[in-house]
Amino acid sequence: MSLIKGVTLGQYMPADSFFHKLDPRCKLLVTVLSMILIFMSGNFPAMAIWAFFIIFIAKKSQIPAKALMRSAKPILVLIIFTSLLHIFFTGGNNIIFSIGPLKASAEGTVTAFRMGLRLYLLVLFTALLTFTTSPSELSDGLEAAFGPFTRFGFPAHEVAMMMTIALRFIPTLFEETERIINAQVSRGADFVSGGLIKRAKAYIPVLIPLFVLVFKRADTLASAMEARCYRGGKGRVRMYPLTWGSAENRALMGFFVFCTVVICLNRWG
């Protein structure tokens, strides 16, 4: 199935670049602030600047353009569905066409395009984080970011570990899904013909073995961690401790200047 081939979200692409060498805490902070500011961007010039910014980081990080574009594949259906909701349920006076009681307005179309573009940019920026940060660095960065909340009983290490494992196994789950679909097709299953309900029912033989494989992999991973005497983050030491230096300060300074430009453009654009 071409829909799930080449999924890159959650993969790490090693390279010798400035962004790869940055402290993961710096990259996490930039990613969170970018997600907030992208949703605050209300006009297309501001979002175009964000798109050029993402392309610039990808080029400097030696991330292939095709890999970056493929990272949005898993949520394309969500983006399309959200856009359709805005097209038909956003009120407006300029009606373009109607399907029964549903009416598509020009205002709804503009809102749908804006929301779809926002979601797409969010996924691309998140993909840049996983492309330029190894799973171990990402786990350490998340644990350090959640560290201040441990005094309130928040399990920072465990949450960071779960989030890292979830990101790491996204490509694996898609590979398993593709393998199951190919096995079902070889047995005569049909996933393309018929109506929407028929095609949805055809995926039931895929979901059941997929859930079984997910639980088996989780059990295998838990057994492997126990065999290596994993007991959480208590007493853990790191071979490469996180260090915040001048490179991180320069990156944040440049990012704040860029954010100022985007905010001004969003206000006056």
Protein backbone atom coordinates (compact mmCIF):
# COMPACT_ATOMS: atom_id res chain seq x y z
CA MET A 1 0.00 0.00 0.00
CA SER A 2 1.63 3.26 -1.15
CA LEU A 3 -0.06 5.20 1.66
CA ILE A 4 2.21 3.75 4.33
CA LYS A 5 5.43 3.33 2.36
CA GLY A 6 8.35 5.56 3.13
CA VAL A 7 7.03 6.84 6.44
CA THR A 8 9.83 8.83 8.07
CA LEU A 9 8.18 10.36 11.14
CA GLY A 10 10.07 9.28 14.27
CA GLN A 11 13.29 8.36 12.47
CA TYR A 12 16.71 9.81 13.26
CA MET A 13 19.00 10.86 10.40
CA PRO A 14 22.57 11.32 11.68
CA ALA A 15 24.61 14.13 10.15
CA ASP A 16 27.38 16.54 11.09
CA SER A 17 25.37 19.76 11.24
CA PHE A 18 24.89 22.68 13.62
CA PHE A 19 21.34 21.61 14.47
CA HIS A 20 22.31 18.00 15.16
CA LYS A 21 24.89 19.17 17.70
CA LEU A 22 22.51 21.44 19.61
CA ASP A 23 21.41 20.48 23.11
CA PRO A 24 18.09 18.60 22.92
CA ARG A 25 16.61 20.95 25.53
CA CYS A 26 17.23 23.86 23.17
CA LYS A 27 15.57 22.03 20.28
CA LEU A 28 12.60 21.05 22.43
CA LEU A 29 12.13 24.66 23.56
CA VAL A 30 12.31 25.93 19.98
CA THR A 31 9.84 23.25 18.83
CA VAL A 32 7.28 24.06 21.54
CA LEU A 33 7.51 27.81 20.92
CA SER A 34 7.24 27.22 17.17
CA MET A 35 4.08 25.14 17.60
CA ILE A 36 2.49 27.96 19.60
CA LEU A 37 3.53 30.67 17.15
CA ILE A 38 2.45 28.68 14.09
CA PHE A 39 -1.06 28.44 15.51
CA MET A 40 -0.96 32.16 16.28
CA SER A 41 -0.06 32.93 12.66
CA GLY A 42 -3.28 34.14 11.10
CA ASN A 43 -2.20 35.20 7.63
CA PHE A 44 -0.51 33.45 4.75
CA PRO A 45 2.63 35.66 4.56
CA ALA A 46 3.50 34.68 8.14
CA MET A 47 2.96 30.99 7.38
CA ALA A 48 5.04 31.34 4.21
CA ILE A 49 7.90 32.65 6.36
CA TRP A 50 7.50 29.59 8.61
CA ALA A 51 7.66 27.33 5.55
CA PHE A 52 10.91 28.97 4.38
CA PHE A 53 12.28 28.67 7.93
CA ILE A 54 11.57 24.92 7.98
CA ILE A 55 13.16 24.49 4.54
CA PHE A 56 16.22 26.43 5.73
CA ILE A 57 16.67 24.20 8.81
CA ALA A 58 16.17 21.04 6.74
CA LYS A 59 18.77 22.15 4.19
CA LYS A 60 21.32 23.10 6.85
CA SER A 61 20.65 19.82 8.68
CA GLN A 62 21.19 17.80 5.49
CA ILE A 63 17.66 16.39 5.65
CA PRO A 64 16.41 15.27 2.20
CA ALA A 65 13.36 17.18 1.00
CA LYS A 66 11.53 13.94 0.12
CA ALA A 67 12.05 12.55 3.62
CA LEU A 68 10.71 15.76 5.13
CA MET A 69 7.62 15.73 2.90
CA ARG A 70 6.95 12.05 3.63
CA SER A 71 6.94 12.75 7.38
CA ALA A 72 3.45 14.28 7.05
CA LYS A 73 1.93 11.16 5.46
CA PRO A 74 0.56 9.66 8.70
CA ILE A 75 -1.72 12.64 9.37
CA LEU A 76 -2.75 13.58 5.83
CA VAL A 77 -6.17 12.02 6.45
CA LEU A 78 -6.55 14.08 9.63
CA ILE A 79 -5.56 17.26 7.79
CA ILE A 80 -8.04 16.59 4.98
CA PHE A 81 -10.82 15.72 7.43
CA THR A 82 -10.21 18.87 9.48
CA SER A 83 -10.16 20.98 6.32
CA LEU A 84 -13.48 19.52 5.14
CA LEU A 85 -15.07 20.32 8.51
CA HIS A 86 -14.00 23.94 8.18
CA ILE A 87 -15.18 24.16 4.56
CA PHE A 88 -18.72 22.99 5.32
CA PHE A 89 -19.24 24.18 8.89
CA THR A 90 -17.66 27.64 8.82
CA GLY A 91 -20.33 30.21 8.18
CA GLY A 92 -20.05 32.70 5.36
CA ASN A 93 -22.07 34.75 2.92
CA ASN A 94 -20.23 33.77 -0.27
CA ILE A 95 -21.50 30.25 -1.03
CA ILE A 96 -19.37 28.40 -3.58
CA PHE A 97 -21.35 25.15 -3.81
CA SER A 98 -23.66 23.02 -1.70
CA ILE A 99 -24.18 19.28 -1.16
CA GLY A 100 -27.62 18.81 0.31
CA PRO A 101 -27.76 20.72 3.60
CA LEU A 102 -23.97 21.26 3.56
CA LYS A 103 -22.81 24.56 2.11
CA ALA A 104 -19.24 25.46 1.30
CA SER A 105 -18.44 29.15 1.60
CA ALA A 106 -15.42 31.13 0.45
CA GLU A 107 -14.70 32.09 4.06
CA GLY A 108 -14.80 28.42 5.10
CA THR A 109 -12.46 27.47 2.26
CA VAL A 110 -9.91 30.08 3.32
CA THR A 111 -10.17 28.96 6.96
CA ALA A 112 -9.78 25.30 5.93
CA PHE A 113 -6.68 26.04 3.87
CA ARG A 114 -5.19 28.05 6.73
CA MET A 115 -5.86 25.31 9.30
CA GLY A 116 -4.58 22.55 7.02
CA LEU A 117 -1.40 24.52 6.36
CA ARG A 118 -0.90 25.05 10.09
CA LEU A 119 -1.19 21.34 10.84
CA TYR A 120 1.15 20.50 7.98
CA LEU A 121 3.80 22.95 9.21
CA LEU A 122 3.47 21.58 12.76
CA VAL A 123 4.16 18.04 11.58
CA LEU A 124 7.16 19.15 9.51
CA PHE A 125 8.66 21.03 12.45
CA THR A 126 8.14 18.06 14.76
CA ALA A 127 9.74 15.81 12.14
CA LEU A 128 12.81 18.07 12.10
CA LEU A 129 13.15 17.47 15.84
CA THR A 130 13.20 13.69 15.44
CA PHE A 131 15.42 13.84 12.32
CA THR A 132 18.11 15.83 14.14
CA THR A 133 17.85 14.29 17.63
CA SER A 134 18.70 10.69 18.49
CA PRO A 135 16.24 8.74 20.68
CA SER A 136 18.63 8.76 23.64
CA GLU A 137 19.20 12.53 23.36
CA LEU A 138 15.48 13.12 23.01
CA SER A 139 14.79 11.02 26.11
CA ASP A 140 17.43 12.91 28.11
CA GLY A 141 16.09 16.25 26.90
CA LEU A 142 12.51 15.40 27.82
CA GLU A 143 13.58 14.12 31.22
CA ALA A 144 15.50 17.33 31.87
CA ALA A 145 12.54 19.43 30.69
CA PHE A 146 10.16 17.58 33.03
CA GLY A 147 12.73 17.56 35.85
CA PRO A 148 11.33 20.58 37.79
CA PHE A 149 8.00 18.76 38.15
CA THR A 150 9.53 15.75 39.96
CA ARG A 151 9.26 17.59 43.27
CA PHE A 152 5.48 17.35 42.85
CA GLY A 153 5.63 13.60 42.24
CA PHE A 154 5.67 13.78 38.43
CA PRO A 155 7.45 10.70 36.94
CA ALA A 156 9.70 12.67 34.58
CA HIS A 157 11.97 9.79 33.57
CA GLU A 158 9.12 7.35 32.94
CA VAL A 159 7.11 9.85 30.86
CA ALA A 160 10.19 10.78 28.81
CA MET A 161 10.94 7.11 28.22
CA MET A 162 7.37 6.38 27.07
CA MET A 163 7.31 9.33 24.67
CA THR A 164 10.66 8.35 23.20
CA ILE A 165 9.63 4.72 22.73
CA ALA A 166 6.36 5.83 21.10
CA LEU A 167 8.23 8.01 18.59
CA ARG A 168 10.82 5.31 17.95
CA PHE A 169 8.21 2.65 17.14
CA ILE A 170 6.10 4.72 14.72
CA PRO A 171 8.10 3.54 11.65
CA THR A 172 8.09 -0.02 13.01
CA LEU A 173 4.30 -0.04 13.36
CA PHE A 174 3.87 1.19 9.80
CA GLU A 175 6.23 -1.52 8.56
CA GLU A 176 4.23 -4.16 10.42
CA THR A 177 0.99 -2.73 9.00
CA GLU A 178 2.36 -2.90 5.47
CA ARG A 179 3.51 -6.48 5.99
CA ILE A 180 0.07 -7.54 7.29
CA ILE A 181 -1.71 -5.79 4.40
CA ASN A 182 0.55 -7.49 1.84
CA ALA A 183 -0.14 -10.85 3.52
CA GLN A 184 -3.90 -10.24 3.37
CA VAL A 185 -3.71 -9.13 -0.28
CA SER A 186 -1.86 -12.35 -1.14
CA ARG A 187 -4.81 -14.22 0.41
CA GLY A 188 -7.29 -12.40 -1.81
CA ALA A 189 -8.26 -9.44 0.39
CA ASP A 190 -9.49 -6.34 -1.43
CA PHE A 191 -8.81 -2.93 0.14
CA VAL A 192 -9.55 -0.63 -2.81
CA SER A 193 -12.89 -1.59 -4.35
CA GLY A 194 -16.35 -0.95 -2.97
CA GLY A 195 -17.75 1.85 -0.86
CA LEU A 196 -16.30 3.45 2.25
CA ILE A 197 -18.03 1.04 4.66
CA LYS A 198 -16.88 -2.01 2.70
CA ARG A 199 -13.28 -0.83 2.62
CA ALA A 200 -13.41 -0.05 6.34
CA LYS A 201 -14.62 -3.57 7.07
CA ALA A 202 -11.81 -4.96 4.90
CA TYR A 203 -9.26 -3.47 7.33
CA ILE A 204 -10.60 -5.44 10.31
CA PRO A 205 -8.37 -8.47 9.49
CA VAL A 206 -5.45 -6.01 9.52
CA LEU A 207 -6.22 -4.32 12.85
CA ILE A 208 -6.61 -7.52 14.88
CA PRO A 209 -3.15 -9.03 14.11
CA LEU A 210 -1.65 -5.52 14.37
CA PHE A 211 -2.91 -5.15 17.94
CA VAL A 212 -1.58 -8.61 18.77
CA LEU A 213 1.85 -7.67 17.37
CA VAL A 214 1.85 -4.40 19.32
CA PHE A 215 1.22 -6.18 22.62
CA LYS A 216 3.83 -8.83 21.79
CA ARG A 217 6.43 -6.17 21.01
CA ALA A 218 5.58 -4.33 24.23
CA ASP A 219 5.99 -7.54 26.23
CA THR A 220 9.29 -8.34 24.50
CA LEU A 221 10.58 -4.82 25.16
CA ALA A 222 9.57 -5.02 28.82
CA SER A 223 11.32 -8.39 29.20
CA ALA A 224 14.47 -7.04 27.54
CA MET A 225 14.52 -4.01 29.87
CA GLU A 226 14.06 -6.22 32.93
CA ALA A 227 16.83 -8.56 31.75
CA ARG A 228 19.14 -5.52 31.62
CA CYS A 229 18.16 -4.61 35.20
CA TYR A 230 16.28 -1.49 34.18
CA ARG A 231 14.83 0.16 37.28
CA GLY A 232 13.94 3.62 36.04
CA GLY A 233 15.98 6.78 36.28
CA LYS A 234 17.01 6.47 39.93
CA GLY A 235 20.78 6.36 40.26
CA ARG A 236 21.27 6.57 36.50
CA VAL A 237 24.47 8.10 35.12
CA ARG A 238 25.10 9.29 31.54
CA MET A 239 28.16 8.80 29.38
CA TYR A 240 27.43 12.07 27.57
CA PRO A 241 25.81 14.58 29.95
CA LEU A 242 23.78 17.43 28.49
CA THR A 243 25.69 20.69 28.14
CA TRP A 244 24.30 24.14 27.34
CA GLY A 245 26.86 26.38 25.65
CA SER A 246 27.29 29.36 23.38
CA ALA A 247 25.88 27.51 20.38
CA GLU A 248 22.54 27.08 22.13
CA ASN A 249 22.53 30.75 23.15
CA ARG A 250 23.18 31.84 19.56
CA ALA A 251 20.47 29.53 18.28
CA LEU A 252 17.91 30.90 20.74
CA MET A 253 18.93 34.49 19.98
CA GLY A 254 18.46 33.93 16.25
CA PHE A 255 15.15 32.15 16.84
CA PHE A 256 13.81 35.00 19.00
CA VAL A 257 14.76 37.52 16.29
CA PHE A 258 12.94 35.38 13.74
CA CYS A 259 9.88 35.12 16.03
CA THR A 260 9.81 38.90 16.40
CA VAL A 261 9.73 39.28 12.62
CA VAL A 262 6.93 36.70 12.32
CA ILE A 263 4.85 38.34 15.06
CA CYS A 264 5.20 41.75 13.43
CA LEU A 265 4.33 40.31 10.03
CA ASN A 266 1.32 38.52 11.52
CA ARG A 267 0.08 41.73 13.15
CA TRP A 268 0.57 44.07 10.22
CA GLY A 269 0.35 41.62 7.31
